[in-house]
Protein backbone atom coordinates (compact mmCIF):
# COMPACT_ATOMS: atom_id res chain seq x y z
CA UNK A 1 -41.34 -3.59 81.86
CA UNK A 2 -38.57 -1.10 82.86
CA UNK A 3 -34.70 -2.25 82.53
CA UNK A 4 -34.76 -3.14 86.20
CA UNK A 5 -37.47 -5.66 86.28
CA UNK A 6 -36.61 -6.92 82.37
CA UNK A 7 -33.76 -7.97 85.06
CA UNK A 8 -34.79 -9.18 87.86
CA UNK A 9 -37.27 -11.65 85.72
CA UNK A 10 -34.84 -13.58 84.33
CA UNK A 11 -34.09 -15.99 87.52
CA UNK A 12 -38.49 -16.24 86.95
CA UNK A 13 -37.48 -17.01 83.10
CA UNK A 14 -35.15 -19.80 84.21
CA UNK A 15 -37.50 -21.21 86.96
CA UNK A 16 -40.56 -21.50 84.45
CA UNK A 17 -38.40 -23.95 81.97
CA UNK A 18 -38.60 -26.60 84.60
CA UNK A 19 -42.01 -26.25 86.72
CA UNK A 20 -44.67 -29.12 85.82
CA UNK A 21 -46.61 -29.47 82.32
CA UNK A 22 -50.29 -29.07 84.39
CA UNK A 23 -48.56 -25.75 85.43
CA UNK A 24 -46.95 -24.72 82.57
CA UNK A 25 -50.79 -25.46 80.81
CA UNK A 26 -52.67 -23.39 83.27
CA UNK A 27 -49.91 -20.67 82.69
CA UNK A 28 -50.59 -20.63 78.64
CA UNK A 29 -54.73 -21.15 78.99
CA UNK A 30 -54.70 -18.09 81.56
CA UNK A 31 -52.48 -16.09 79.20
CA UNK A 32 -54.33 -16.65 75.91
CA UNK A 33 -57.78 -15.72 78.02
CA UNK A 34 -56.46 -12.71 79.21
CA UNK A 35 -55.11 -11.68 75.55
CA UNK A 36 -58.35 -12.64 74.24
CA UNK A 37 -60.52 -10.60 76.83
CA UNK A 38 -58.05 -7.33 75.92
CA UNK A 39 -57.79 -8.17 72.65
CA UNK A 40 -61.69 -7.86 72.17
CA UNK A 41 -62.15 -4.75 74.57
CA UNK A 42 -59.18 -3.18 72.97
CA UNK A 43 -58.99 -3.90 68.65
CA UNK A 44 -60.94 -3.10 66.67
CA UNK A 45 -60.33 -6.64 64.37
CA UNK A 46 -61.28 -8.92 67.75
CA UNK A 47 -64.83 -6.99 68.00
CA UNK A 48 -65.61 -9.53 64.69
CA UNK A 49 -68.14 -12.35 65.31
CA UNK A 50 -65.74 -14.94 64.76
CA UNK A 51 -64.26 -14.13 68.11
CA UNK A 52 -67.46 -14.41 70.03
CA UNK A 53 -66.55 -17.78 71.74
CA UNK A 54 -66.23 -18.92 75.29
CA UNK A 55 -62.69 -18.02 76.98
CA UNK A 56 -60.67 -20.95 77.03
CA UNK A 57 -60.49 -22.95 79.96
CA UNK A 58 -58.28 -25.59 78.41
CA UNK A 59 -55.67 -26.52 75.75
CA UNK A 60 -58.29 -27.96 73.62
CA UNK A 61 -60.60 -25.00 73.94
CA UNK A 62 -57.92 -22.34 72.37
CA UNK A 63 -58.46 -23.94 68.90
CA UNK A 64 -61.87 -22.43 69.06
CA UNK A 65 -60.34 -19.43 67.69
CA UNK A 66 -60.30 -18.87 64.08
CA UNK A 67 -57.06 -18.68 62.41
CA UNK A 68 -55.31 -15.91 61.77
CA UNK A 69 -52.84 -15.56 58.30
CA UNK A 70 -50.49 -12.80 57.56
CA UNK A 71 -52.50 -11.79 54.17
CA UNK A 72 -55.71 -11.18 56.56
CA UNK A 73 -53.94 -8.38 58.47
CA UNK A 74 -52.70 -6.49 55.35
CA UNK A 75 -55.91 -7.03 53.89
CA UNK A 76 -57.49 -5.41 56.60
CA UNK A 77 -55.28 -2.82 56.58
CA UNK A 78 -53.37 -3.47 59.64
CA UNK A 79 -54.61 -0.55 61.69
CA UNK A 80 -57.69 -2.57 63.01
CA UNK A 81 -55.43 -4.73 64.88
CA UNK A 82 -53.43 -2.13 66.19
CA UNK A 83 -54.41 -1.42 70.31
CA UNK A 84 -56.19 1.79 71.48
CA UNK A 85 -54.05 1.68 74.12
CA UNK A 86 -51.02 2.33 72.35
CA UNK A 87 -50.08 5.56 71.02
CA UNK A 88 -46.87 5.41 67.96
CA UNK A 89 -44.74 6.35 70.24
CA UNK A 90 -45.16 4.07 73.25
CA UNK A 91 -44.64 0.84 70.85
CA UNK A 92 -41.66 -1.28 69.26
CA UNK A 93 -42.14 -0.97 65.28
CA UNK A 94 -40.89 -4.31 63.32
CA UNK A 95 -40.89 -4.99 59.22
CA UNK A 96 -41.24 -8.95 58.64
CA UNK A 97 -38.74 -9.72 56.73
CA UNK A 98 -40.58 -10.16 53.28
CA UNK A 99 -39.80 -14.41 52.91
CA UNK A 100 -43.02 -15.23 52.10
CA UNK A 101 -43.33 -11.91 49.13
CA UNK A 102 -45.28 -10.31 51.61
CA UNK A 103 -44.44 -7.81 53.98
CA UNK A 104 -46.14 -6.40 57.21
CA UNK A 105 -45.38 -3.74 59.87
CA UNK A 106 -46.31 -5.06 63.33
CA UNK A 107 -46.03 -3.07 66.37
CA UNK A 108 -44.86 -4.27 69.82
CA UNK A 109 -45.58 -2.76 73.55
CA UNK A 110 -42.72 -2.16 76.13
CA UNK A 111 -43.48 -4.93 78.20
CA UNK A 112 -43.72 -8.03 75.83
CA UNK A 113 -40.29 -6.52 73.88
CA UNK A 114 -38.43 -6.48 77.51
CA UNK A 115 -40.11 -10.24 78.63
CA UNK A 116 -38.72 -11.05 74.90
CA UNK A 117 -35.22 -9.81 75.59
CA UNK A 118 -35.11 -11.25 79.27
CA UNK A 119 -35.74 -14.65 77.08
CA UNK A 120 -33.26 -13.98 75.29
CA UNK A 121 -30.52 -13.61 78.18
CA UNK A 122 -32.27 -17.54 79.00
CA UNK A 123 -31.33 -18.26 75.62
CA UNK A 124 -28.01 -17.71 75.93
CA UNK A 125 -27.56 -18.81 79.73
CA UNK A 126 -28.89 -22.46 78.52
CA UNK A 127 -25.76 -23.02 76.48
CA UNK A 128 -23.38 -23.07 79.51
CA UNK A 129 -21.46 -21.14 76.71
CA UNK A 130 -22.16 -17.69 76.57
CA UNK A 131 -21.88 -15.49 79.84
CA UNK A 132 -22.84 -12.04 80.43
CA UNK A 133 -19.04 -11.08 80.23
CA UNK A 134 -19.37 -12.74 76.75
CA UNK A 135 -18.44 -10.89 73.72
CA UNK A 136 -20.68 -10.87 71.07
CA UNK A 137 -20.32 -10.40 67.28
CA UNK A 138 -24.35 -10.12 65.43
CA UNK A 139 -24.12 -10.55 61.94
CA UNK A 140 -27.30 -7.97 60.49
CA UNK A 141 -28.40 -6.78 57.48
CA UNK A 142 -30.01 -3.90 59.30
CA UNK A 143 -29.44 -1.79 62.67
CA UNK A 144 -30.80 -3.48 65.42
CA UNK A 145 -31.39 -1.42 68.99
CA UNK A 146 -29.68 -2.40 72.48
CA UNK A 147 -31.57 -4.80 74.66
CA UNK A 148 -31.75 -3.71 78.40
CA UNK A 149 -28.83 -6.00 79.19
CA UNK A 150 -26.20 -4.64 77.12
CA UNK A 151 -27.65 -1.09 78.45
CA UNK A 152 -25.99 -2.02 81.50
CA UNK A 153 -22.81 -3.67 80.19
CA UNK A 154 -23.89 -7.14 79.38
CA UNK A 155 -23.22 -9.40 76.44
CA UNK A 156 -21.45 -6.64 74.94
CA UNK A 157 -22.36 -6.68 71.41
CA UNK A 158 -20.31 -5.80 68.08
CA UNK A 159 -23.48 -5.63 64.91
CA UNK A 160 -21.51 -6.71 61.44
CA UNK A 161 -23.16 -5.59 58.62
CA UNK A 162 -24.11 -8.44 56.13
CA UNK A 163 -23.75 -6.33 53.15
CA UNK A 164 -20.52 -5.24 53.52
CA UNK A 165 -17.66 -7.31 51.00
CA UNK A 166 -16.43 -11.06 52.43
CA UNK A 167 -13.35 -9.73 52.99
CA UNK A 168 -14.21 -6.55 55.64
CA UNK A 169 -16.75 -9.06 56.62
CA UNK A 170 -13.92 -11.23 58.26
CA UNK A 171 -11.50 -8.74 59.02
CA UNK A 172 -14.45 -7.13 61.30
CA UNK A 173 -15.18 -10.49 62.75
CA UNK A 174 -11.67 -11.11 63.93
CA UNK A 175 -11.29 -7.63 65.33
CA UNK A 176 -14.28 -8.07 67.81
CA UNK A 177 -12.44 -11.31 69.42
CA UNK A 178 -16.14 -12.74 69.95
CA UNK A 179 -16.72 -15.28 72.43
CA UNK A 180 -20.22 -16.01 71.04
CA UNK A 181 -21.59 -15.37 66.31
CA UNK A 182 -24.62 -14.32 65.79
CA UNK A 183 -25.93 -15.04 62.21
CA UNK A 184 -28.22 -16.55 59.61
CA UNK A 185 -26.53 -20.11 58.12
CA UNK A 186 -26.36 -18.61 54.98
CA UNK A 187 -24.19 -15.87 56.19
CA UNK A 188 -22.16 -18.33 58.59
CA UNK A 189 -21.74 -20.63 55.50
CA UNK A 190 -20.23 -18.11 53.11
CA UNK A 191 -17.48 -17.37 56.49
CA UNK A 192 -16.72 -20.89 56.51
CA UNK A 193 -15.68 -20.19 52.75
CA UNK A 194 -14.25 -16.81 53.28
CA UNK A 195 -11.68 -17.26 56.25
CA UNK A 196 -8.10 -18.51 55.58
CA UNK A 197 -7.00 -21.61 57.92
CA UNK A 198 -4.74 -19.21 59.58
CA UNK A 199 -7.80 -16.77 60.31
CA UNK A 200 -9.87 -19.45 61.63
CA UNK A 201 -7.35 -20.20 64.19
CA UNK A 202 -7.51 -16.97 64.97
CA UNK A 203 -10.80 -17.26 65.85
CA UNK A 204 -11.30 -20.16 67.15
CA UNK A 205 -9.09 -18.94 70.26
CA UNK A 206 -12.07 -17.32 71.54
CA UNK A 207 -15.22 -18.23 70.38
CA UNK A 208 -17.28 -20.64 72.27
CA UNK A 209 -20.41 -21.04 70.50
CA UNK A 210 -22.25 -20.48 67.47
CA UNK A 211 -25.89 -19.11 67.46
CA UNK A 212 -28.25 -19.42 64.38
CA UNK A 213 -31.48 -17.80 63.76
CA UNK A 214 -34.29 -17.12 61.52
CA UNK A 215 -33.81 -20.58 58.42
CA UNK A 216 -33.96 -23.91 58.16
CA UNK A 217 -31.39 -25.45 60.61
CA UNK A 218 -30.92 -29.06 58.96
CA UNK A 219 -28.47 -31.70 59.89
CA UNK A 220 -26.25 -31.10 57.68
CA UNK A 221 -26.46 -27.87 57.76
CA UNK A 222 -25.57 -28.15 61.90
CA UNK A 223 -23.00 -30.99 61.31
CA UNK A 224 -21.17 -28.43 58.44
CA UNK A 225 -21.03 -25.44 61.00
CA UNK A 226 -20.17 -27.39 64.08
CA UNK A 227 -17.04 -29.04 61.93
CA UNK A 228 -16.38 -25.52 60.67
CA UNK A 229 -15.83 -23.30 63.64
CA UNK A 230 -15.14 -25.99 66.18
CA UNK A 231 -17.96 -24.89 68.55
CA UNK A 232 -21.21 -26.25 68.84
CA UNK A 233 -24.55 -24.63 67.63
CA UNK A 234 -27.53 -23.80 69.09
CA UNK A 235 -30.42 -22.61 66.84
CA UNK A 236 -33.37 -19.97 67.92
CA UNK A 237 -36.63 -19.40 66.33
CA UNK A 238 -38.36 -16.24 66.49
CA UNK A 239 -40.39 -14.02 63.95
CA UNK A 240 -40.60 -10.56 63.72
CA UNK A 241 -45.00 -10.59 64.16
CA UNK A 242 -43.96 -12.30 68.00
CA UNK A 243 -40.75 -12.10 68.33
CA UNK A 244 -38.93 -15.27 70.60
CA UNK A 245 -40.80 -18.51 70.15
CA UNK A 246 -38.07 -21.12 70.91
CA UNK A 247 -34.61 -22.10 71.80
CA UNK A 248 -31.93 -25.10 71.57
CA UNK A 249 -31.28 -26.87 74.78
CA UNK A 250 -27.53 -28.47 75.35
CA UNK A 251 -29.06 -31.60 73.98
CA UNK A 252 -29.96 -29.89 70.89
CA UNK A 253 -33.30 -29.90 71.30
CA UNK A 254 -35.67 -26.83 70.75
CA UNK A 255 -37.96 -25.89 73.14
CA UNK A 256 -41.08 -23.69 73.14
CA UNK A 257 -40.56 -20.98 75.55
CA UNK A 258 -44.39 -21.27 76.72
CA UNK A 259 -44.37 -18.98 79.08
CA UNK A 260 -44.55 -16.07 76.29
CA UNK A 261 -46.22 -18.28 73.51
CA UNK A 262 -48.58 -21.12 72.93
CA UNK A 263 -47.40 -23.36 69.92
CA UNK A 264 -49.85 -25.73 67.27
CA UNK A 265 -49.11 -27.79 64.53
CA UNK A 266 -52.27 -27.73 62.46
CA UNK A 267 -53.06 -29.62 59.04
CA UNK A 268 -54.15 -27.79 55.86
CA UNK A 269 -57.87 -27.60 57.11
CA UNK A 270 -56.48 -25.63 60.05
CA UNK A 271 -57.25 -28.12 62.84
CA UNK A 272 -55.05 -29.22 65.64
CA UNK A 273 -53.18 -32.68 64.81
CA UNK A 274 -51.46 -34.87 67.58
CA UNK A 275 -47.94 -34.68 68.69
CA UNK A 276 -45.32 -36.11 66.25
CA UNK A 277 -47.36 -35.38 63.63
CA UNK A 278 -46.02 -32.90 61.04
CA UNK A 279 -47.86 -29.81 60.01
CA UNK A 280 -48.38 -26.14 60.03
CA UNK A 281 -47.03 -23.84 62.50
CA UNK A 282 -49.54 -22.04 64.73
CA UNK A 283 -48.52 -19.58 66.98
CA UNK A 284 -50.13 -17.18 69.97
CA UNK A 285 -47.97 -14.79 71.89
CA UNK A 286 -50.55 -14.12 74.42
CA UNK A 287 -48.13 -11.23 76.43
CA UNK A 288 -48.66 -9.17 73.31
CA UNK A 289 -51.60 -6.24 73.95
CA UNK A 290 -50.20 -3.50 70.86
CA UNK A 291 -50.89 -5.69 68.01
CA UNK A 292 -51.99 -8.83 69.64
CA UNK A 293 -51.85 -11.79 66.95
CA UNK A 294 -53.97 -14.87 67.87
CA UNK A 295 -53.71 -18.25 66.51
CA UNK A 296 -51.44 -16.71 64.16
CA UNK A 297 -50.41 -19.40 61.04
CA UNK A 298 -46.66 -18.83 60.30
CA UNK A 299 -46.51 -21.30 57.66
CA UNK A 300 -43.26 -22.98 58.48
CA UNK A 301 -43.88 -26.90 58.58
CA UNK A 302 -42.94 -28.20 62.22
CA UNK A 303 -43.72 -31.45 64.62
CA UNK A 304 -44.58 -31.03 68.55
CA UNK A 305 -43.85 -32.80 71.49
CA UNK A 306 -45.20 -32.80 75.03
CA UNK A 307 -42.12 -35.49 76.60
CA UNK A 308 -39.97 -34.00 79.09
CA UNK A 309 -36.48 -33.76 77.92
CA UNK A 310 -33.19 -35.48 79.02
CA UNK A 311 -32.14 -31.59 79.68
CA UNK A 312 -34.90 -31.74 82.78
CA UNK A 313 -36.57 -28.77 80.81
CA UNK A 314 -40.48 -29.39 80.76
CA UNK A 315 -41.14 -26.79 77.93
CA UNK A 316 -42.65 -28.38 74.77
CA UNK A 317 -40.09 -28.77 72.04
CA UNK A 318 -40.41 -27.86 68.40
CA UNK A 319 -38.93 -30.22 65.45
CA UNK A 320 -38.96 -27.61 62.18
CA UNK A 321 -39.10 -29.84 59.62
CA UNK A 322 -38.75 -29.45 55.99
CA UNK A 323 -39.23 -26.02 55.09
CA UNK A 324 -42.10 -23.05 54.38
CA UNK A 325 -45.60 -24.05 53.81
CA UNK A 326 -44.55 -22.44 50.30
CA UNK A 327 -40.80 -23.46 49.78
CA UNK A 328 -41.40 -26.73 47.87
CA UNK A 329 -41.41 -27.68 44.65
CA UNK A 330 -44.01 -29.57 42.58
CA UNK A 331 -43.35 -32.79 40.80
CA UNK A 332 -45.24 -34.32 38.05
CA UNK A 333 -47.00 -37.09 40.00
CA UNK A 334 -47.98 -34.48 42.74
CA UNK A 335 -45.07 -35.13 44.99
CA UNK A 336 -43.23 -32.22 46.64
CA UNK A 337 -39.94 -31.33 47.29
CA UNK A 338 -38.85 -29.23 50.42
CA UNK A 339 -36.60 -26.96 50.81
CA UNK A 340 -33.91 -28.84 53.28
CA UNK A 341 -33.67 -31.48 50.19
CA UNK A 342 -31.95 -28.93 48.11
CA UNK A 343 -29.86 -27.76 50.80
CA UNK A 344 -28.81 -31.06 52.05
CA UNK A 345 -27.54 -32.09 48.48
CA UNK A 346 -25.22 -28.50 48.16
CA UNK A 347 -23.85 -29.28 51.19
CA UNK A 348 -22.91 -32.98 50.81
CA UNK A 349 -21.81 -32.05 46.98
CA UNK A 350 -18.34 -31.17 47.36
CA UNK A 351 -17.95 -28.22 45.32
CA UNK A 352 -21.32 -26.21 45.35
CA UNK A 353 -21.13 -23.90 47.49
CA UNK A 354 -25.15 -22.76 47.72
CA UNK A 355 -27.97 -23.41 45.53
CA UNK A 356 -31.33 -21.75 44.81
CA UNK A 357 -34.31 -23.52 42.97
CA UNK A 358 -36.76 -22.07 41.09
CA UNK A 359 -39.57 -23.35 39.89
CA UNK A 360 -41.52 -21.56 36.80
CA UNK A 361 -45.66 -21.69 36.35
CA UNK A 362 -44.89 -24.20 33.60
CA UNK A 363 -43.69 -27.22 36.61
CA UNK A 364 -40.11 -26.50 34.70
CA UNK A 365 -37.51 -26.33 37.53
CA UNK A 366 -34.18 -24.77 37.06
CA UNK A 367 -31.53 -25.36 39.95
CA UNK A 368 -28.61 -22.65 40.04
CA UNK A 369 -25.60 -24.00 41.58
CA UNK A 370 -23.40 -21.49 43.50
CA UNK A 371 -19.92 -22.93 42.94
CA UNK A 372 -17.28 -23.32 45.91
CA UNK A 373 -14.29 -21.67 44.22
CA UNK A 374 -11.73 -23.93 46.45
CA UNK A 375 -12.45 -27.01 45.02
CA UNK A 376 -12.18 -27.29 41.42
CA UNK A 377 -14.23 -29.05 39.65
CA UNK A 378 -16.40 -27.93 36.14
CA UNK A 379 -19.77 -27.20 36.09
CA UNK A 380 -20.87 -29.92 33.59
CA UNK A 381 -19.35 -32.54 36.77
CA UNK A 382 -21.16 -30.69 39.32
CA UNK A 383 -24.34 -30.68 37.87
CA UNK A 384 -24.39 -33.90 37.09
CA UNK A 385 -23.20 -35.05 40.77
CA UNK A 386 -26.18 -33.06 42.38
CA UNK A 387 -28.38 -34.40 39.48
CA UNK A 388 -27.60 -38.01 40.77
CA UNK A 389 -27.56 -36.79 44.45
CA UNK A 390 -31.46 -35.49 43.97
CA UNK A 391 -32.80 -37.84 42.17
CA UNK A 392 -31.43 -40.63 44.65
CA UNK A 393 -32.99 -38.77 47.74
CA UNK A 394 -36.56 -38.65 45.80
CA UNK A 395 -35.89 -42.47 44.91
CA UNK A 396 -37.27 -41.40 41.37
CA UNK A 397 -35.92 -39.47 38.20
CA UNK A 398 -37.52 -35.74 37.33
CA UNK A 399 -36.73 -33.25 34.87
CA UNK A 400 -34.10 -30.52 35.73
CA UNK A 401 -32.20 -27.97 33.98
CA UNK A 402 -28.98 -26.43 35.90
CA UNK A 403 -27.62 -22.80 35.67
CA UNK A 404 -24.21 -21.54 37.55
CA UNK A 405 -24.60 -18.46 39.58
CA UNK A 406 -22.56 -15.94 41.56
CA UNK A 407 -24.56 -15.62 44.62
CA UNK A 408 -28.05 -16.85 46.32
CA UNK A 409 -30.97 -14.65 45.86
CA UNK A 410 -31.86 -12.99 49.17
CA UNK A 411 -35.09 -11.94 51.12
CA UNK A 412 -35.08 -7.82 51.99
CA UNK A 413 -34.33 -9.56 55.28
CA UNK A 414 -30.98 -11.23 54.02
CA UNK A 415 -32.20 -14.59 54.32
CA UNK A 416 -31.55 -16.81 51.37
CA UNK A 417 -34.24 -17.81 49.37
CA UNK A 418 -33.71 -21.55 48.54
CA UNK A 419 -36.74 -22.33 46.89
CA UNK A 420 -39.23 -20.29 44.94
CA UNK A 421 -42.24 -22.11 42.60
CA UNK A 422 -44.63 -20.28 41.01
CA UNK A 423 -46.44 -23.80 39.61
CA UNK A 424 -49.24 -24.48 41.32
CA UNK A 425 -52.06 -26.63 39.35
CA UNK A 426 -55.19 -26.69 40.36
């Protein structure tokens, strides 16, 4: 897909999010069937007997394909998942952030990548606050190439490295006079603590919208960011393996970009669960040809809905739930507490800026608290407030230790590592 064809595809993308469910579902089935046919011929891994199933003719039949996990791809050496049709210089290469502890190099063909960028334009336009002439400041832990629309002078973007000192990040942000701000929630929360009241007033003169990405968006996080920046916050869901997956509408409902991927929710046995039931996210990006990943298990926990949205869009909706499949601590009674609970505790407890939780292989839980230096509270007082909040939230007491931390531990991709547990009794 060329720059011109990508630009011309945007009106079609805007229309497709309002098509009937029947047309959308038929396009998904046809897209997955075509991807499977292509992969069987051109991608060695899909010559395996487990993919010798009838091409799907309905959504239900897509579940006949096996679920594929990152560890499976890495164990195979990744090359068997590369299409023979694409040379190394004809693809875009991305590396997963390693938030699961395992990193993976992924290849994207140019046509799928440009469609992804066009879907990003739809994401901007959906907010009714980010227009082609808007100035965007994007906080990223590493460089990212400009999209076709930026090469045309649209959605001008200024990337600020997240590794810069907080004061320099604030100065560059204000110098950019952004209409839109993009970043991980953990970085945006740090900005709220770093900007002075006068600087926040300067920022608000031009800022119209905030976009979040790559971390769990809880109602508490959204409320904090919208109150702090004084503008609406729109979340986006993507993965390096599949690129753009979902985007928020004006109702703050996340819609799956079903003209490029199909989302399923499965249980612990990889069996699909009905809409409205929480489970694990499995995604098929059916436009990818350079490295197709069919029924790819992302590990995020979510709930799917197929009911029409009040915004008028007919794409299915997705609510990311408590966190990733492995982002939890395990209590002695076998119950799990996910990352979202600990994030909520930090946001609702004055004097705590951030927190991270570590559970060792013996089950001992330590909550590391990052104090908010703007609030004068002793650490013992913070720890007791956090303990009370967590016990009230869980409806019971359990053993906790607390430690003071200067900053949150980040993944190689710059995301917050809120919960890490080595306790998995079996």
